[in-house]
């Protein structure tokens, strides 16, 4: 397991198209810490603010080259 820090808010769809026009669902909060672990396929997973799992990087060994991860998280 590794500890990651969110560096900017990450939003996702609410699941309801009408609500998506008005608000987005906050998945990860800036400056919050999250525990992350690798799954069987090597993806780095963590849980969002509602406890739902999300892939945040293609693999722990590739964190240095994962642009989406570095745009939203740092290793704490």
Protein backbone atom coordinates (compact mmCIF):
# COMPACT_ATOMS: atom_id res chain seq x y z
CA UNK A 1 0.00 0.00 0.00
CA UNK A 2 1.04 3.57 -0.59
CA UNK A 3 -0.32 6.86 0.61
CA UNK A 4 -1.23 9.44 -2.06
CA UNK A 5 -2.23 13.09 -1.69
CA UNK A 6 -4.82 14.64 -4.00
CA UNK A 7 -3.48 17.95 -5.36
CA UNK A 8 -6.72 19.22 -6.93
CA UNK A 9 -10.38 18.25 -6.68
CA UNK A 10 -11.38 15.40 -8.99
CA UNK A 11 -14.99 15.25 -10.18
CA UNK A 12 -17.01 12.55 -11.91
CA UNK A 13 -20.50 12.06 -13.30
CA UNK A 14 -23.37 11.80 -10.85
CA UNK A 15 -24.98 9.04 -12.91
CA UNK A 16 -28.00 11.22 -13.66
CA UNK A 17 -27.72 13.28 -16.89
CA UNK A 18 -30.07 16.00 -15.58
CA UNK A 19 -28.05 16.42 -12.37
CA UNK A 20 -24.75 16.40 -14.29
CA UNK A 21 -25.78 19.71 -15.87
CA UNK A 22 -26.08 21.30 -12.43
CA UNK A 23 -23.40 19.58 -10.39
CA UNK A 24 -20.59 17.07 -10.65
CA UNK A 25 -19.86 14.39 -8.09
CA UNK A 26 -16.71 15.08 -6.06
CA UNK A 27 -14.56 11.94 -6.16
CA UNK A 28 -11.35 13.13 -4.50
CA UNK A 29 -10.73 16.27 -2.41
CA UNK A 30 -7.64 18.45 -2.79
CA UNK A 31 -5.16 18.09 0.09
CA UNK A 32 -6.74 14.84 1.32
CA UNK A 33 -4.75 11.63 1.71
CA UNK A 34 -5.88 8.30 0.26
CA UNK A 35 -4.54 4.77 0.70
CA UNK A 36 -3.85 3.08 -2.64
CA UNK A 37 -2.95 -0.50 -3.52
CA UNK A 38 -2.30 -2.53 -6.66
CA UNK A 39 -4.91 -4.91 -7.99
CA UNK A 40 -4.17 -8.24 -9.69
CA UNK A 41 -3.69 -6.50 -13.06
CA UNK A 42 -1.15 -4.01 -11.64
CA UNK A 43 -3.46 -0.98 -11.59
CA UNK A 44 -3.22 1.38 -8.63
CA UNK A 45 -6.61 1.61 -6.89
CA UNK A 46 -8.04 3.80 -4.17
CA UNK A 47 -11.50 4.62 -2.85
CA UNK A 48 -13.28 7.91 -3.51
CA UNK A 49 -15.11 10.03 -0.92
CA UNK A 50 -18.10 7.67 -1.09
CA UNK A 51 -16.02 4.50 -0.72
CA UNK A 52 -16.21 3.49 -4.41
CA UNK A 53 -13.02 2.01 -5.93
CA UNK A 54 -11.23 3.85 -8.76
CA UNK A 55 -8.12 3.19 -10.82
CA UNK A 56 -5.83 6.20 -10.35
CA UNK A 57 -2.78 4.89 -12.22
CA UNK A 58 -1.96 2.13 -14.69
CA UNK A 59 0.62 0.68 -12.31
CA UNK A 60 2.75 1.49 -9.30
CA UNK A 61 5.97 0.96 -11.28
CA UNK A 62 4.80 3.45 -13.92
CA UNK A 63 3.83 6.33 -11.58
CA UNK A 64 6.66 8.47 -12.89
CA UNK A 65 5.20 8.34 -16.42
CA UNK A 66 1.46 8.43 -15.64
CA UNK A 67 0.38 11.97 -16.59
CA UNK A 68 -3.20 11.63 -15.24
CA UNK A 69 -1.88 10.50 -11.85
CA UNK A 70 0.60 13.39 -11.65
CA UNK A 71 -2.04 15.92 -12.64
CA UNK A 72 -4.23 14.87 -9.68
CA UNK A 73 -2.04 13.13 -7.07
CA UNK A 74 1.41 12.93 -5.51
CA UNK A 75 2.93 10.14 -3.48
CA UNK A 76 2.82 11.26 0.16
